[in-house]
Amino acid sequence: MGGNIVEKQEDRFLRLLLHKLEVLSLQMEKMKLAEYVQLLENLPRLLWINFITGVVRGVGMAVGFTLLGAILLYLLGRMVDLPLIGSFIAEIVRIVQFQLGVST
């Protein structure tokens, strides 16, 4: 009788452990842990992916800063009537237009 209770507790414990193991296995599949470990083990591919990511991030920042700078220069160029800053900004706008090949 006492052994039967212990066996039931062990059986319940094993079912609970199996359920937890299945949940953990599904979570690891969702995280794609195997693919991540495989990527970490392949150093040339990891370096290549990081290089491409860095290049794309750098180009994106360069384009973004260029657009923001152009917008800022345009807005400041509209405010050319500022006494000291106006002529400086106008000169910068002329230089940028010259570099872009835009005739004024």
N, C-alpha and C. Protein backbone atom coordinates (compact mmCIF):
# COMPACT_ATOMS: atom_id res chain seq x y z
N MET A 1 0.82 -1.18 0.00
CA MET A 1 0.00 0.00 0.00
C MET A 1 0.87 1.25 0.00
N GLY A 2 1.92 1.28 0.85
CA GLY A 2 2.81 2.43 0.91
C GLY A 2 3.61 2.58 -0.37
N GLY A 3 3.98 1.43 -0.98
CA GLY A 3 4.72 1.46 -2.22
C GLY A 3 3.87 2.00 -3.36
N ASN A 4 2.57 1.75 -3.30
CA ASN A 4 1.66 2.21 -4.34
C ASN A 4 1.58 3.73 -4.37
N ILE A 5 1.56 4.36 -3.21
CA ILE A 5 1.51 5.83 -3.11
C ILE A 5 2.80 6.42 -3.66
N VAL A 6 3.93 5.80 -3.34
CA VAL A 6 5.22 6.30 -3.83
C VAL A 6 5.28 6.17 -5.34
N GLU A 7 4.78 5.04 -5.86
CA GLU A 7 4.78 4.86 -7.31
C GLU A 7 3.90 5.89 -7.99
N LYS A 8 2.76 6.22 -7.42
CA LYS A 8 1.87 7.23 -8.00
C LYS A 8 2.55 8.60 -7.98
N GLN A 9 3.25 8.93 -6.89
CA GLN A 9 3.93 10.21 -6.81
C GLN A 9 5.07 10.27 -7.84
N GLU A 10 5.79 9.17 -7.97
CA GLU A 10 6.87 9.14 -8.95
C GLU A 10 6.31 9.26 -10.37
N ASP A 11 5.18 8.57 -10.63
CA ASP A 11 4.56 8.64 -11.94
C ASP A 11 4.09 10.06 -12.24
N ARG A 12 3.47 10.71 -11.25
CA ARG A 12 3.02 12.09 -11.43
C ARG A 12 4.21 13.02 -11.64
N PHE A 13 5.27 12.80 -10.88
CA PHE A 13 6.48 13.61 -11.02
C PHE A 13 7.09 13.44 -12.42
N LEU A 14 7.15 12.20 -12.92
CA LEU A 14 7.71 11.94 -14.24
C LEU A 14 6.85 12.57 -15.35
N ARG A 15 5.51 12.51 -15.20
CA ARG A 15 4.64 13.15 -16.19
C ARG A 15 4.84 14.66 -16.19
N LEU A 16 4.96 15.24 -15.00
CA LEU A 16 5.20 16.68 -14.89
C LEU A 16 6.54 17.05 -15.50
N LEU A 17 7.55 16.24 -15.23
CA LEU A 17 8.88 16.49 -15.78
C LEU A 17 8.87 16.37 -17.30
N LEU A 18 8.16 15.38 -17.82
CA LEU A 18 8.04 15.21 -19.27
C LEU A 18 7.32 16.40 -19.90
N HIS A 19 6.26 16.86 -19.26
CA HIS A 19 5.53 18.03 -19.76
C HIS A 19 6.44 19.27 -19.79
N LYS A 20 7.18 19.49 -18.71
CA LYS A 20 8.10 20.64 -18.66
C LYS A 20 9.17 20.53 -19.74
N LEU A 21 9.64 19.33 -19.98
CA LEU A 21 10.66 19.11 -21.01
C LEU A 21 10.09 19.40 -22.40
N GLU A 22 8.85 19.01 -22.64
CA GLU A 22 8.22 19.30 -23.92
C GLU A 22 8.04 20.81 -24.12
N VAL A 23 7.61 21.50 -23.06
CA VAL A 23 7.44 22.96 -23.13
C VAL A 23 8.79 23.63 -23.41
N LEU A 24 9.83 23.18 -22.73
CA LEU A 24 11.16 23.74 -22.94
C LEU A 24 11.65 23.47 -24.36
N SER A 25 11.38 22.30 -24.85
CA SER A 25 11.77 21.96 -26.22
C SER A 25 11.07 22.84 -27.24
N LEU A 26 9.78 23.08 -27.05
CA LEU A 26 9.04 23.96 -27.96
C LEU A 26 9.56 25.39 -27.89
N GLN A 27 9.88 25.86 -26.70
CA GLN A 27 10.40 27.22 -26.57
C GLN A 27 11.76 27.36 -27.25
N MET A 28 12.59 26.34 -27.14
CA MET A 28 13.90 26.39 -27.80
C MET A 28 13.74 26.38 -29.31
N GLU A 29 12.76 25.64 -29.82
CA GLU A 29 12.50 25.63 -31.26
C GLU A 29 12.03 27.00 -31.71
N LYS A 30 11.17 27.66 -30.92
CA LYS A 30 10.69 28.99 -31.28
C LYS A 30 11.83 30.00 -31.29
N MET A 31 12.80 29.84 -30.41
CA MET A 31 13.93 30.76 -30.34
C MET A 31 14.96 30.49 -31.44
N LYS A 32 14.80 29.39 -32.13
CA LYS A 32 15.75 28.96 -33.16
C LYS A 32 17.16 28.88 -32.57
N LEU A 33 17.25 28.28 -31.42
CA LEU A 33 18.52 28.17 -30.71
C LEU A 33 19.52 27.33 -31.50
N ALA A 34 19.05 26.30 -32.16
CA ALA A 34 19.97 25.45 -32.92
C ALA A 34 20.61 26.23 -34.06
N GLU A 35 19.81 27.05 -34.76
CA GLU A 35 20.35 27.86 -35.85
C GLU A 35 21.35 28.88 -35.34
N TYR A 36 21.05 29.46 -34.17
CA TYR A 36 21.96 30.45 -33.57
C TYR A 36 23.29 29.81 -33.20
N VAL A 37 23.24 28.64 -32.59
CA VAL A 37 24.48 27.94 -32.23
C VAL A 37 25.25 27.57 -33.48
N GLN A 38 24.54 27.14 -34.52
CA GLN A 38 25.19 26.79 -35.78
C GLN A 38 25.87 28.02 -36.38
N LEU A 39 25.23 29.18 -36.29
CA LEU A 39 25.83 30.41 -36.79
C LEU A 39 27.07 30.78 -35.99
N LEU A 40 27.02 30.62 -34.69
CA LEU A 40 28.18 30.93 -33.85
C LEU A 40 29.36 30.01 -34.16
N GLU A 41 29.08 28.79 -34.56
CA GLU A 41 30.15 27.85 -34.86
C GLU A 41 30.76 28.10 -36.24
N ASN A 42 30.07 28.83 -37.11
CA ASN A 42 30.56 29.12 -38.45
C ASN A 42 31.11 30.55 -38.47
N LEU A 43 32.36 30.72 -38.08
CA LEU A 43 32.96 32.04 -37.91
C LEU A 43 32.98 32.87 -39.20
N PRO A 44 33.36 32.34 -40.36
CA PRO A 44 33.35 33.17 -41.57
C PRO A 44 31.96 33.72 -41.90
N ARG A 45 30.94 32.90 -41.75
CA ARG A 45 29.58 33.37 -42.03
C ARG A 45 29.15 34.43 -41.03
N LEU A 46 29.50 34.25 -39.77
CA LEU A 46 29.17 35.22 -38.74
C LEU A 46 29.85 36.56 -39.03
N LEU A 47 31.12 36.52 -39.41
CA LEU A 47 31.84 37.75 -39.74
C LEU A 47 31.22 38.42 -40.97
N TRP A 48 30.86 37.64 -41.98
CA TRP A 48 30.27 38.20 -43.19
C TRP A 48 28.93 38.88 -42.88
N ILE A 49 28.10 38.23 -42.09
CA ILE A 49 26.80 38.80 -41.74
C ILE A 49 26.98 40.09 -40.94
N ASN A 50 27.91 40.10 -40.00
CA ASN A 50 28.16 41.31 -39.23
C ASN A 50 28.75 42.41 -40.10
N PHE A 51 29.59 42.07 -41.06
CA PHE A 51 30.15 43.07 -41.96
C PHE A 51 29.05 43.71 -42.80
N ILE A 52 28.20 42.89 -43.40
CA ILE A 52 27.11 43.41 -44.23
C ILE A 52 26.17 44.27 -43.38
N THR A 53 25.87 43.82 -42.18
CA THR A 53 25.00 44.58 -41.29
C THR A 53 25.62 45.95 -40.98
N GLY A 54 26.90 45.98 -40.72
CA GLY A 54 27.59 47.25 -40.45
C GLY A 54 27.59 48.18 -41.64
N VAL A 55 27.81 47.63 -42.84
CA VAL A 55 27.80 48.46 -44.04
C VAL A 55 26.42 49.06 -44.26
N VAL A 56 25.39 48.25 -44.14
CA VAL A 56 24.02 48.75 -44.34
C VAL A 56 23.68 49.80 -43.29
N ARG A 57 24.06 49.56 -42.06
CA ARG A 57 23.79 50.53 -41.00
C ARG A 57 24.54 51.84 -41.27
N GLY A 58 25.79 51.75 -41.72
CA GLY A 58 26.57 52.94 -42.03
C GLY A 58 25.99 53.74 -43.18
N VAL A 59 25.57 53.04 -44.24
CA VAL A 59 24.97 53.73 -45.38
C VAL A 59 23.66 54.39 -44.96
N GLY A 60 22.88 53.72 -44.15
CA GLY A 60 21.63 54.29 -43.67
C GLY A 60 21.85 55.55 -42.85
N MET A 61 22.86 55.52 -41.99
CA MET A 61 23.16 56.71 -41.21
C MET A 61 23.65 57.85 -42.10
N ALA A 62 24.49 57.53 -43.07
CA ALA A 62 25.00 58.56 -43.97
C ALA A 62 23.87 59.21 -44.76
N VAL A 63 22.97 58.42 -45.28
CA VAL A 63 21.83 58.96 -46.03
C VAL A 63 20.94 59.79 -45.11
N GLY A 64 20.69 59.28 -43.93
CA GLY A 64 19.85 60.01 -42.98
C GLY A 64 20.44 61.34 -42.58
N PHE A 65 21.73 61.35 -42.24
CA PHE A 65 22.37 62.61 -41.86
C PHE A 65 22.43 63.57 -43.04
N THR A 66 22.63 63.05 -44.24
CA THR A 66 22.66 63.91 -45.42
C THR A 66 21.30 64.57 -45.63
N LEU A 67 20.23 63.78 -45.52
CA LEU A 67 18.89 64.36 -45.69
C LEU A 67 18.58 65.37 -44.60
N LEU A 68 18.91 65.04 -43.36
CA LEU A 68 18.66 66.00 -42.28
C LEU A 68 19.48 67.27 -42.46
N GLY A 69 20.74 67.12 -42.87
CA GLY A 69 21.58 68.29 -43.11
C GLY A 69 21.05 69.13 -44.25
N ALA A 70 20.59 68.49 -45.32
CA ALA A 70 20.04 69.22 -46.46
C ALA A 70 18.78 69.99 -46.06
N ILE A 71 17.93 69.35 -45.29
CA ILE A 71 16.71 70.03 -44.83
C ILE A 71 17.07 71.20 -43.93
N LEU A 72 18.03 71.00 -43.04
CA LEU A 72 18.46 72.07 -42.15
C LEU A 72 19.06 73.23 -42.94
N LEU A 73 19.91 72.91 -43.92
CA LEU A 73 20.49 73.97 -44.75
C LEU A 73 19.41 74.69 -45.55
N TYR A 74 18.46 73.97 -46.05
CA TYR A 74 17.38 74.59 -46.81
C TYR A 74 16.59 75.56 -45.94
N LEU A 75 16.23 75.08 -44.73
CA LEU A 75 15.46 75.94 -43.83
C LEU A 75 16.27 77.15 -43.39
N LEU A 76 17.54 76.95 -43.10
CA LEU A 76 18.39 78.08 -42.72
C LEU A 76 18.63 79.01 -43.90
N GLY A 77 18.68 78.47 -45.10
CA GLY A 77 18.83 79.30 -46.29
C GLY A 77 17.63 80.19 -46.52
N ARG A 78 16.47 79.74 -46.10
CA ARG A 78 15.26 80.55 -46.21
C ARG A 78 15.30 81.71 -45.22
N MET A 79 16.07 81.55 -44.16
CA MET A 79 16.19 82.61 -43.16
C MET A 79 17.48 83.40 -43.36
N VAL A 80 17.80 83.71 -44.59
CA VAL A 80 19.03 84.38 -44.94
C VAL A 80 19.10 85.78 -44.36
N ASP A 81 18.01 86.34 -43.94
CA ASP A 81 17.99 87.70 -43.44
C ASP A 81 18.62 87.83 -42.05
N LEU A 82 19.10 86.75 -41.47
CA LEU A 82 19.82 86.86 -40.20
C LEU A 82 21.13 87.59 -40.45
N PRO A 83 21.52 88.53 -39.59
CA PRO A 83 22.65 89.40 -39.88
C PRO A 83 23.97 88.67 -40.12
N LEU A 84 24.53 88.00 -39.16
CA LEU A 84 25.84 87.36 -39.32
C LEU A 84 25.72 85.95 -39.87
N ILE A 85 24.74 85.23 -39.40
CA ILE A 85 24.60 83.84 -39.79
C ILE A 85 24.06 83.73 -41.22
N GLY A 86 23.26 84.69 -41.64
CA GLY A 86 22.64 84.63 -42.96
C GLY A 86 23.65 84.53 -44.08
N SER A 87 24.69 85.36 -44.06
CA SER A 87 25.68 85.32 -45.13
C SER A 87 26.49 84.02 -45.08
N PHE A 88 26.77 83.55 -43.88
CA PHE A 88 27.50 82.29 -43.73
C PHE A 88 26.69 81.13 -44.29
N ILE A 89 25.41 81.09 -43.95
CA ILE A 89 24.53 80.03 -44.44
C ILE A 89 24.36 80.15 -45.94
N ALA A 90 24.23 81.37 -46.43
CA ALA A 90 24.09 81.56 -47.88
C ALA A 90 25.33 81.04 -48.60
N GLU A 91 26.52 81.27 -48.04
CA GLU A 91 27.75 80.76 -48.64
C GLU A 91 27.77 79.22 -48.64
N ILE A 92 27.33 78.62 -47.56
CA ILE A 92 27.27 77.15 -47.49
C ILE A 92 26.29 76.63 -48.54
N VAL A 93 25.15 77.28 -48.68
CA VAL A 93 24.16 76.86 -49.67
C VAL A 93 24.75 76.98 -51.07
N ARG A 94 25.49 78.06 -51.35
CA ARG A 94 26.11 78.23 -52.67
C ARG A 94 27.13 77.12 -52.92
N ILE A 95 27.93 76.77 -51.91
CA ILE A 95 28.93 75.71 -52.06
C ILE A 95 28.24 74.38 -52.34
N VAL A 96 27.20 74.08 -51.60
CA VAL A 96 26.47 72.82 -51.81
C VAL A 96 25.85 72.78 -53.19
N GLN A 97 25.25 73.89 -53.61
CA GLN A 97 24.63 73.93 -54.94
C GLN A 97 25.70 73.78 -56.02
N PHE A 98 26.86 74.40 -55.83
CA PHE A 98 27.94 74.26 -56.79
C PHE A 98 28.39 72.81 -56.89
N GLN A 99 28.53 72.14 -55.74
CA GLN A 99 28.95 70.75 -55.72
C GLN A 99 27.93 69.84 -56.38
N LEU A 100 26.66 70.20 -56.24
CA LEU A 100 25.59 69.40 -56.84
C LEU A 100 25.39 69.74 -58.31
N GLY A 101 26.00 70.82 -58.78
CA GLY A 101 25.87 71.21 -60.16
C GLY A 101 24.61 72.00 -60.46
N VAL A 102 24.02 72.58 -59.42
CA VAL A 102 22.82 73.38 -59.58
C VAL A 102 23.23 74.82 -59.81
N SER A 103 22.75 75.42 -60.89
CA SER A 103 23.10 76.82 -61.14
C SER A 103 22.05 77.72 -60.51
N THR A 104 22.54 78.84 -59.96
CA THR A 104 21.61 79.78 -59.31
C THR A 104 21.41 81.01 -60.15
